[in-house]
Amino acid sequence: MIVKKRVSIKKIRNDAENLFRKGDFYCSEAIVSSIKNNFEINMPDEMIAMASGFPVGIGKSKCVCGAVSGGILSLGYFFGRTKGGDPKVEKTLKLANELQQSFRDNHGCLCCHVHTKGMDMASGEHKKQCISFTGEVAEKAAEIIVRELELENIDE
């Protein structure tokens, strides 16, 4: 895993938001792509593809917010296990919980259906909210990665 030692968390947020805003990617994909590109990690593009089923609350079911899913996928890349029985899964679960709890604290719940209730899914209001959620989660995931790997946030 190649990790850039100095990153801009603001740029990670902005890149994720812009990828969504331009229509290049949905929330979860935009987060994984922004993390991949800004940390300059040797992650195959197929890992961005793995995030493609999470938008609009997992396959448009409006269940768990896709941005949260994308953030957790990104954390898993850095801290998850690849061999059964590896106890480092406990740290990954702790970090994933931190990420989801941050979103829950800011928005009350993880449910896409609740956050988009009454919104036209193609409207500006819906897209604006999802762009904001995408940026927020990309930023929080990047903060966790920077903290845990003792990297430098060049914004500070």
C-alpha atoms as a PDB file:
ATOM      1  CA  MET A   1       0.000   0.000   0.000  1.00  0.00           C
ATOM      2  CA  ILE A   2       1.529   3.299  -1.069  1.00  0.00           C
ATOM      3  CA  VAL A   3       0.364   6.215   1.036  1.00  0.00           C
ATOM      4  CA  LYS A   4       1.193   9.823   0.451  1.00  0.00           C
ATOM      5  CA  LYS A   5       2.559  11.251   3.706  1.00  0.00           C
ATOM      6  CA  ARG A   6       1.059  14.732   3.246  1.00  0.00           C
ATOM      7  CA  VAL A   7      -2.515  15.312   2.087  1.00  0.00           C
ATOM      8  CA  SER A   8      -5.080  18.086   2.005  1.00  0.00           C
ATOM      9  CA  ILE A   9      -8.250  16.950   3.713  1.00  0.00           C
ATOM     10  CA  LYS A  10     -10.052  19.959   2.212  1.00  0.00           C
ATOM     11  CA  LYS A  11      -9.013  18.817  -1.277  1.00  0.00           C
ATOM     12  CA  ILE A  12     -10.240  15.284  -0.564  1.00  0.00           C
ATOM     13  CA  ARG A  13     -13.629  16.735   0.401  1.00  0.00           C
ATOM     14  CA  ASN A  14     -13.753  19.096  -2.576  1.00  0.00           C
ATOM     15  CA  ASP A  15     -12.712  16.392  -5.044  1.00  0.00           C
ATOM     16  CA  ALA A  16     -15.391  14.013  -3.768  1.00  0.00           C
ATOM     17  CA  GLU A  17     -18.052  16.719  -3.968  1.00  0.00           C
ATOM     18  CA  ASN A  18     -16.969  17.714  -7.469  1.00  0.00           C
ATOM     19  CA  LEU A  19     -16.971  14.131  -8.758  1.00  0.00           C
ATOM     20  CA  PHE A  20     -20.580  13.829  -7.591  1.00  0.00           C
ATOM     21  CA  ARG A  21     -21.588  17.329  -8.719  1.00  0.00           C
ATOM     22  CA  LYS A  22     -20.242  16.748 -12.258  1.00  0.00           C
ATOM     23  CA  GLY A  23     -22.055  13.428 -12.476  1.00  0.00           C
ATOM     24  CA  ASP A  24     -18.863  11.395 -12.841  1.00  0.00           C
ATOM     25  CA  PHE A  25     -19.700   9.253  -9.813  1.00  0.00           C
ATOM     26  CA  TYR A  26     -22.364   8.815  -7.171  1.00  0.00           C
ATOM     27  CA  CYS A  27     -21.602   9.380  -3.486  1.00  0.00           C
ATOM     28  CA  SER A  28     -19.852   6.149  -2.498  1.00  0.00           C
ATOM     29  CA  GLU A  29     -17.849   5.976  -5.730  1.00  0.00           C
ATOM     30  CA  ALA A  30     -16.804   9.632  -5.434  1.00  0.00           C
ATOM     31  CA  ILE A  31     -15.469   9.075  -1.918  1.00  0.00           C
ATOM     32  CA  VAL A  32     -13.454   5.982  -2.833  1.00  0.00           C
ATOM     33  CA  SER A  33     -12.086   7.724  -5.949  1.00  0.00           C
ATOM     34  CA  SER A  34     -11.113  10.870  -4.047  1.00  0.00           C
ATOM     35  CA  ILE A  35      -9.400   8.877  -1.288  1.00  0.00           C
ATOM     36  CA  LYS A  36      -7.592   6.740  -3.889  1.00  0.00           C
ATOM     37  CA  ASN A  37      -6.355   9.715  -5.886  1.00  0.00           C
ATOM     38  CA  ASN A  38      -5.435  12.038  -3.034  1.00  0.00           C
ATOM     39  CA  PHE A  39      -3.583   9.452  -0.987  1.00  0.00           C
ATOM     40  CA  GLU A  40      -1.997   8.196  -4.229  1.00  0.00           C
ATOM     41  CA  ILE A  41      -2.501   4.604  -3.214  1.00  0.00           C
ATOM     42  CA  ASN A  42      -1.995   1.623  -5.440  1.00  0.00           C
ATOM     43  CA  MET A  43      -5.663   0.667  -5.319  1.00  0.00           C
ATOM     44  CA  PRO A  44      -7.102  -0.918  -8.449  1.00  0.00           C
ATOM     45  CA  ASP A  45      -9.927   1.014 -10.095  1.00  0.00           C
ATOM     46  CA  GLU A  46     -12.080  -2.050  -9.530  1.00  0.00           C
ATOM     47  CA  MET A  47     -12.319  -0.951  -5.918  1.00  0.00           C
ATOM     48  CA  ILE A  48     -14.160   2.157  -7.094  1.00  0.00           C
ATOM     49  CA  ALA A  49     -16.422  -0.206  -9.025  1.00  0.00           C
ATOM     50  CA  MET A  50     -17.057  -2.127  -5.791  1.00  0.00           C
ATOM     51  CA  ALA A  51     -18.673   1.059  -4.450  1.00  0.00           C
ATOM     52  CA  SER A  52     -21.149   1.278  -7.353  1.00  0.00           C
ATOM     53  CA  GLY A  53     -23.931  -0.657  -5.619  1.00  0.00           C
ATOM     54  CA  PHE A  54     -24.170   1.581  -2.563  1.00  0.00           C
ATOM     55  CA  PRO A  55     -25.659   4.857  -3.905  1.00  0.00           C
ATOM     56  CA  VAL A  56     -29.182   5.922  -3.015  1.00  0.00           C
ATOM     57  CA  GLY A  57     -29.122   3.820   0.119  1.00  0.00           C
ATOM     58  CA  ILE A  58     -27.752   0.528  -1.292  1.00  0.00           C
ATOM     59  CA  GLY A  59     -29.044  -0.157  -4.771  1.00  0.00           C
ATOM     60  CA  LYS A  60     -31.663   2.609  -4.641  1.00  0.00           C
ATOM     61  CA  SER A  61     -33.374   0.927  -1.661  1.00  0.00           C
ATOM     62  CA  LYS A  62     -32.912   4.160   0.327  1.00  0.00           C
ATOM     63  CA  CYS A  63     -31.529   2.236   3.269  1.00  0.00           C
ATOM     64  CA  VAL A  64     -28.039   3.155   4.581  1.00  0.00           C
ATOM     65  CA  CYS A  65     -26.660   6.402   3.134  1.00  0.00           C
ATOM     66  CA  GLY A  66     -24.309   5.554   0.254  1.00  0.00           C
ATOM     67  CA  ALA A  67     -21.826   8.200   1.344  1.00  0.00           C
ATOM     68  CA  VAL A  68     -21.409   6.455   4.691  1.00  0.00           C
ATOM     69  CA  SER A  69     -20.925   3.157   2.864  1.00  0.00           C
ATOM     70  CA  GLY A  70     -18.227   4.711   0.663  1.00  0.00           C
ATOM     71  CA  GLY A  71     -16.423   6.111   3.675  1.00  0.00           C
ATOM     72  CA  ILE A  72     -16.462   2.740   5.400  1.00  0.00           C
ATOM     73  CA  LEU A  73     -15.175   1.031   2.245  1.00  0.00           C
ATOM     74  CA  SER A  74     -12.282   3.495   2.214  1.00  0.00           C
ATOM     75  CA  LEU A  75     -11.458   2.823   5.857  1.00  0.00           C
ATOM     76  CA  GLY A  76     -11.552  -0.895   5.134  1.00  0.00           C
ATOM     77  CA  TYR A  77      -8.904  -0.492   2.455  1.00  0.00           C
ATOM     78  CA  PHE A  78      -6.452   0.951   4.952  1.00  0.00           C
ATOM     79  CA  PHE A  79      -7.361  -0.940   8.105  1.00  0.00           C
ATOM     80  CA  GLY A  80      -9.357  -4.028   7.110  1.00  0.00           C
ATOM     81  CA  ARG A  81      -8.221  -7.604   7.135  1.00  0.00           C
ATOM     82  CA  THR A  82      -7.537  -9.903   4.208  1.00  0.00           C
ATOM     83  CA  LYS A  83      -7.048 -13.142   6.137  1.00  0.00           C
ATOM     84  CA  GLY A  84      -9.649 -14.877   8.243  1.00  0.00           C
ATOM     85  CA  GLY A  85      -9.086 -14.655  11.961  1.00  0.00           C
ATOM     86  CA  ASP A  86      -6.931 -11.520  11.764  1.00  0.00           C
ATOM     87  CA  PRO A  87      -7.803  -9.562  14.920  1.00  0.00           C
ATOM     88  CA  LYS A  88      -7.181  -6.196  13.253  1.00  0.00           C
ATOM     89  CA  VAL A  89     -10.833  -6.360  12.233  1.00  0.00           C
ATOM     90  CA  GLU A  90     -11.608  -5.015  15.712  1.00  0.00           C
ATOM     91  CA  LYS A  91      -9.822  -1.733  14.964  1.00  0.00           C
ATOM     92  CA  THR A  92     -11.583  -1.510  11.609  1.00  0.00           C
ATOM     93  CA  LEU A  93     -14.948  -1.965  13.280  1.00  0.00           C
ATOM     94  CA  LYS A  94     -14.090   0.727  15.823  1.00  0.00           C
ATOM     95  CA  LEU A  95     -13.099   3.195  13.076  1.00  0.00           C
ATOM     96  CA  ALA A  96     -16.188   2.365  11.000  1.00  0.00           C
ATOM     97  CA  ASN A  97     -18.327   2.964  14.062  1.00  0.00           C
ATOM     98  CA  GLU A  98     -16.625   6.322  14.605  1.00  0.00           C
ATOM     99  CA  LEU A  99     -17.414   7.340  11.031  1.00  0.00           C
ATOM    100  CA  GLN A 100     -21.057   6.293  11.136  1.00  0.00           C
ATOM    101  CA  GLN A 101     -21.526   7.847  14.579  1.00  0.00           C
ATOM    102  CA  SER A 102     -20.183  11.164  13.317  1.00  0.00           C
ATOM    103  CA  PHE A 103     -22.747  11.112  10.501  1.00  0.00           C
ATOM    104  CA  ARG A 104     -25.506  10.018  12.898  1.00  0.00           C
ATOM    105  CA  ASP A 105     -24.582  12.807  15.341  1.00  0.00           C
ATOM    106  CA  ASN A 106     -24.753  15.373  12.528  1.00  0.00           C
ATOM    107  CA  HIS A 107     -27.924  14.101  10.847  1.00  0.00           C
ATOM    108  CA  GLY A 108     -29.847  11.938  13.310  1.00  0.00           C
ATOM    109  CA  CYS A 109     -29.734   8.679  11.381  1.00  0.00           C
ATOM    110  CA  LEU A 110     -28.080   6.804   8.514  1.00  0.00           C
ATOM    111  CA  CYS A 111     -31.288   6.210   6.576  1.00  0.00           C
ATOM    112  CA  CYS A 112     -31.358   7.652   3.057  1.00  0.00           C
ATOM    113  CA  HIS A 113     -35.158   7.381   3.060  1.00  0.00           C
ATOM    114  CA  VAL A 114     -35.414   9.720   6.064  1.00  0.00           C
ATOM    115  CA  HIS A 115     -32.967  12.245   4.605  1.00  0.00           C
ATOM    116  CA  THR A 116     -34.674  12.357   1.209  1.00  0.00           C
ATOM    117  CA  LYS A 117     -38.309  12.141   2.352  1.00  0.00           C
ATOM    118  CA  GLY A 118     -40.464  14.377   0.194  1.00  0.00           C
ATOM    119  CA  MET A 119     -37.624  15.232  -2.184  1.00  0.00           C
ATOM    120  CA  ASP A 120     -37.755  14.668  -5.907  1.00  0.00           C
ATOM    121  CA  MET A 121     -34.794  12.382  -6.462  1.00  0.00           C
ATOM    122  CA  ALA A 122     -33.837  14.324  -9.584  1.00  0.00           C
ATOM    123  CA  SER A 123     -34.237  17.745  -7.963  1.00  0.00           C
ATOM    124  CA  GLY A 124     -31.552  20.224  -7.074  1.00  0.00           C
ATOM    125  CA  GLU A 125     -32.398  19.961  -3.375  1.00  0.00           C
ATOM    126  CA  HIS A 126     -31.697  16.221  -3.301  1.00  0.00           C
ATOM    127  CA  LYS A 127     -28.466  16.498  -5.268  1.00  0.00           C
ATOM    128  CA  LYS A 128     -27.247  19.429  -3.173  1.00  0.00           C
ATOM    129  CA  GLN A 129     -27.814  17.461   0.038  1.00  0.00           C
ATOM    130  CA  CYS A 130     -26.075  14.360  -1.303  1.00  0.00           C
ATOM    131  CA  ILE A 131     -23.095  16.389  -2.516  1.00  0.00           C
ATOM    132  CA  SER A 132     -22.803  17.823   0.985  1.00  0.00           C
ATOM    133  CA  PHE A 133     -23.059  14.371   2.614  1.00  0.00           C
ATOM    134  CA  THR A 134     -20.431  13.052   0.173  1.00  0.00           C
ATOM    135  CA  GLY A 135     -18.002  15.813   1.092  1.00  0.00           C
ATOM    136  CA  GLU A 136     -18.649  15.472   4.797  1.00  0.00           C
ATOM    137  CA  VAL A 137     -18.026  11.724   4.842  1.00  0.00           C
ATOM    138  CA  ALA A 138     -14.955  11.962   2.583  1.00  0.00           C
ATOM    139  CA  GLU A 139     -13.538  14.557   4.953  1.00  0.00           C
ATOM    140  CA  LYS A 140     -14.260  12.498   8.088  1.00  0.00           C
ATOM    141  CA  ALA A 141     -12.829   9.312   6.536  1.00  0.00           C
ATOM    142  CA  ALA A 142      -9.696  11.234   5.505  1.00  0.00           C
ATOM    143  CA  GLU A 143      -9.356  12.685   9.016  1.00  0.00           C
ATOM    144  CA  ILE A 144      -9.487   9.187  10.493  1.00  0.00           C
ATOM    145  CA  ILE A 145      -6.948   7.844   7.985  1.00  0.00           C
ATOM    146  CA  VAL A 146      -4.578  10.764   8.571  1.00  0.00           C
ATOM    147  CA  ARG A 147      -4.863  10.424  12.339  1.00  0.00           C
ATOM    148  CA  GLU A 148      -4.464   6.655  12.470  1.00  0.00           C
ATOM    149  CA  LEU A 149      -1.538   6.510  10.018  1.00  0.00           C
ATOM    150  CA  GLU A 150       0.076   9.600  11.562  1.00  0.00           C
ATOM    151  CA  LEU A 151       0.131  11.473   8.271  1.00  0.00           C
ATOM    152  CA  GLU A 152       0.191  15.226   7.783  1.00  0.00           C
ATOM    153  CA  ASN A 153      -2.852  17.305   6.885  1.00  0.00           C
ATOM    154  CA  ILE A 154      -1.322  20.189   4.937  1.00  0.00           C
ATOM    155  CA  ASP A 155      -4.410  22.327   5.620  1.00  0.00           C
ATOM    156  CA  GLU A 156      -3.334  22.850   9.238  1.00  0.00           C
END
